[in-house]
Protein backbone atom coordinates (compact mmCIF):
# COMPACT_ATOMS: atom_id res chain seq x y z
CA UNK A 1 -5.16 5.78 16.56
CA UNK A 2 -4.03 8.96 14.83
CA UNK A 3 -3.81 9.35 11.05
CA UNK A 4 -0.04 9.73 11.36
CA UNK A 5 0.25 6.44 13.23
CA UNK A 6 -1.96 4.75 10.67
CA UNK A 7 0.33 5.96 7.88
CA UNK A 8 3.34 4.75 9.82
CA UNK A 9 1.78 1.32 10.26
CA UNK A 10 0.92 1.07 6.58
CA UNK A 11 4.55 1.92 5.85
CA UNK A 12 5.35 -1.41 7.46
CA UNK A 13 3.70 -3.05 4.49
CA UNK A 14 5.95 -1.04 2.18
CA UNK A 15 9.25 -1.53 4.00
CA UNK A 16 9.85 -4.82 2.19
CA UNK A 17 10.94 -2.75 -0.78
CA UNK A 18 14.00 -1.71 1.19
CA UNK A 19 14.61 -5.23 2.43
CA UNK A 20 14.58 -6.56 -1.12
CA UNK A 21 17.18 -4.02 -2.19
CA UNK A 22 19.36 -4.48 0.89
CA UNK A 23 18.82 -0.98 2.24
CA UNK A 24 16.94 -1.85 5.42
CA UNK A 25 17.45 -3.89 8.52
CA UNK A 26 15.04 -6.15 10.26
CA UNK A 27 13.56 -5.55 13.68
CA UNK A 28 12.52 -8.10 16.26
CA UNK A 29 11.19 -11.40 14.87
CA UNK A 30 11.64 -10.23 11.26
CA UNK A 31 9.16 -7.38 11.63
CA UNK A 32 10.08 -3.84 10.66
CA UNK A 33 10.57 -1.20 13.32
CA UNK A 34 8.36 1.89 13.51
CA UNK A 35 11.33 4.00 12.38
CA UNK A 36 11.83 1.81 9.31
CA UNK A 37 8.12 1.91 8.53
CA UNK A 38 8.02 5.68 8.79
CA UNK A 39 11.05 6.24 6.59
CA UNK A 40 9.99 3.77 3.94
CA UNK A 41 6.38 4.94 3.79
CA UNK A 42 7.48 8.57 3.49
CA UNK A 43 10.07 7.70 0.86
CA UNK A 44 7.62 5.83 -1.35
CA UNK A 45 4.93 8.47 -0.87
CA UNK A 46 7.31 11.30 -1.75
CA UNK A 47 8.63 9.52 -4.84
CA UNK A 48 5.13 8.88 -6.18
CA UNK A 49 3.83 12.36 -5.33
CA UNK A 50 6.83 13.91 -7.08
CA UNK A 51 6.61 11.62 -10.07
CA UNK A 52 2.90 12.21 -10.66
CA UNK A 53 2.50 15.78 -9.39
CA UNK A 54 -0.62 14.75 -7.48
CA UNK A 55 -1.96 17.15 -4.86
CA UNK A 56 -1.12 16.04 -1.33
CA UNK A 57 -4.65 16.83 -0.12
CA UNK A 58 -5.96 14.24 -2.59
CA UNK A 59 -3.40 11.69 -1.42
CA UNK A 60 -4.43 12.27 2.19
CA UNK A 61 -8.05 11.42 1.33
CA UNK A 62 -7.06 7.81 0.62
CA UNK A 63 -6.31 7.20 4.29
CA UNK A 64 -9.90 8.24 5.05
CA UNK A 65 -11.22 5.69 2.52
CA UNK A 66 -12.20 8.49 0.15
CA UNK A 67 -11.46 7.76 -3.51
CA UNK A 68 -12.17 10.77 -5.72
CA UNK A 69 -12.23 10.17 -9.47
CA UNK A 70 -8.87 11.74 -10.33
CA UNK A 71 -6.42 10.43 -12.93
CA UNK A 72 -3.27 11.53 -11.07
CA UNK A 73 -4.52 10.01 -7.81
CA UNK A 74 -5.28 6.71 -9.53
CA UNK A 75 -1.77 6.66 -10.97
CA UNK A 76 -0.35 7.57 -7.55
CA UNK A 77 -1.99 4.43 -6.13
CA UNK A 78 -0.54 2.41 -9.00
CA UNK A 79 2.90 3.92 -8.34
CA UNK A 80 2.71 2.97 -4.63
CA UNK A 81 1.60 -0.57 -5.43
CA UNK A 82 4.26 -1.04 -8.10
CA UNK A 83 7.02 0.24 -5.81
CA UNK A 84 5.82 -2.19 -3.16
CA UNK A 85 5.77 -4.91 -5.82
CA UNK A 86 2.22 -5.95 -4.96
CA UNK A 87 0.87 -4.99 -8.39
CA UNK A 88 2.34 -5.73 -11.79
CA UNK A 89 0.75 -4.35 -14.95
CA UNK A 90 -2.45 -3.55 -13.09
CA UNK A 91 -2.85 -7.02 -11.62
CA UNK A 92 -2.54 -7.90 -7.96
CA UNK A 93 0.55 -9.98 -7.29
CA UNK A 94 -1.30 -11.92 -4.62
CA UNK A 95 1.54 -14.24 -3.57
CA UNK A 96 4.03 -11.39 -3.18
CA UNK A 97 1.52 -9.30 -1.24
CA UNK A 98 0.71 -12.15 1.13
CA UNK A 99 4.41 -12.85 1.68
CA UNK A 100 4.98 -9.20 2.61
CA UNK A 101 2.04 -9.25 5.02
CA UNK A 102 3.33 -12.40 6.70
CA UNK A 103 6.90 -11.12 6.85
CA UNK A 104 6.55 -7.56 8.10
CA UNK A 105 3.05 -6.61 9.24
CA UNK A 106 2.10 -6.78 12.91
CA UNK A 107 -0.51 -9.44 13.62
CA UNK A 108 -3.29 -6.96 14.42
CA UNK A 109 -2.97 -5.45 10.93
CA UNK A 110 -1.95 -8.59 9.05
CA UNK A 111 -5.14 -10.59 9.51
CA UNK A 112 -7.53 -7.85 8.28
CA UNK A 113 -5.22 -7.29 5.30
CA UNK A 114 -5.16 -11.00 4.47
CA UNK A 115 -8.96 -11.12 4.55
CA UNK A 116 -9.21 -8.01 2.34
CA UNK A 117 -6.70 -9.34 -0.19
CA UNK A 118 -8.58 -12.61 -0.41
CA UNK A 119 -11.77 -10.68 -1.12
CA UNK A 120 -10.03 -8.47 -3.68
CA UNK A 121 -8.02 -11.00 -5.69
CA UNK A 122 -10.07 -10.31 -8.82
CA UNK A 123 -10.90 -6.63 -8.24
CA UNK A 124 -8.87 -5.53 -11.26
CA UNK A 125 -10.00 -8.27 -13.65
CA UNK A 126 -11.17 -6.82 -16.95
CA UNK A 127 -9.70 -3.36 -16.30
CA UNK A 128 -7.11 -2.54 -18.97
CA UNK A 129 -5.70 0.73 -17.62
CA UNK A 130 -3.09 0.01 -14.91
CA UNK A 131 -3.97 3.10 -12.86
CA UNK A 132 -7.68 2.28 -12.90
CA UNK A 133 -6.92 -1.35 -12.02
CA UNK A 134 -4.75 -0.42 -9.02
CA UNK A 135 -7.38 2.04 -7.86
CA UNK A 136 -10.04 -0.67 -8.02
CA UNK A 137 -7.83 -2.92 -5.87
CA UNK A 138 -7.26 -0.12 -3.34
CA UNK A 139 -10.99 0.64 -3.17
CA UNK A 140 -11.79 -3.03 -2.64
CA UNK A 141 -9.15 -3.40 0.07
CA UNK A 142 -10.44 -0.26 1.82
CA UNK A 143 -13.98 -1.62 1.73
CA UNK A 144 -12.93 -5.01 3.14
CA UNK A 145 -10.34 -3.90 5.71
CA UNK A 146 -11.54 -1.98 8.78
CA UNK A 147 -7.90 -1.10 9.54
CA UNK A 148 -7.14 0.21 6.03
CA UNK A 149 -4.41 2.82 5.77
CA UNK A 150 -2.55 4.21 2.76
CA UNK A 151 0.72 6.19 2.48
């Protein structure tokens, strides 16, 4: 699977943002289409990159499970998670994340993500900075999900 396809598939996880605001349609059986995933993933990525002025080469490292210690990159991850409504104030919104997985992710990606989220429910406990907390969640999910991808 190419990096581009992996990013597209992760965008599936993010497309719920559009559904919640009424801007997107639903594909077969309630799952998002590849086109919807691509557009939503790119939209969220571009918003967060623009907002935080993070270098795109750093952002691309996340998809390779590389997590450099960089403040802007940590806040980029927090921005992505907040836009997807899976993190609130640095804490994993577990129920919302699971609902999104069940609603829009293809089965082959959904199960590894469910397992990773279960393992990472408390990854941000005790971390006060929201960016650091989101980064800890992302690192945990990457470690526990062999199919990890990030926009």
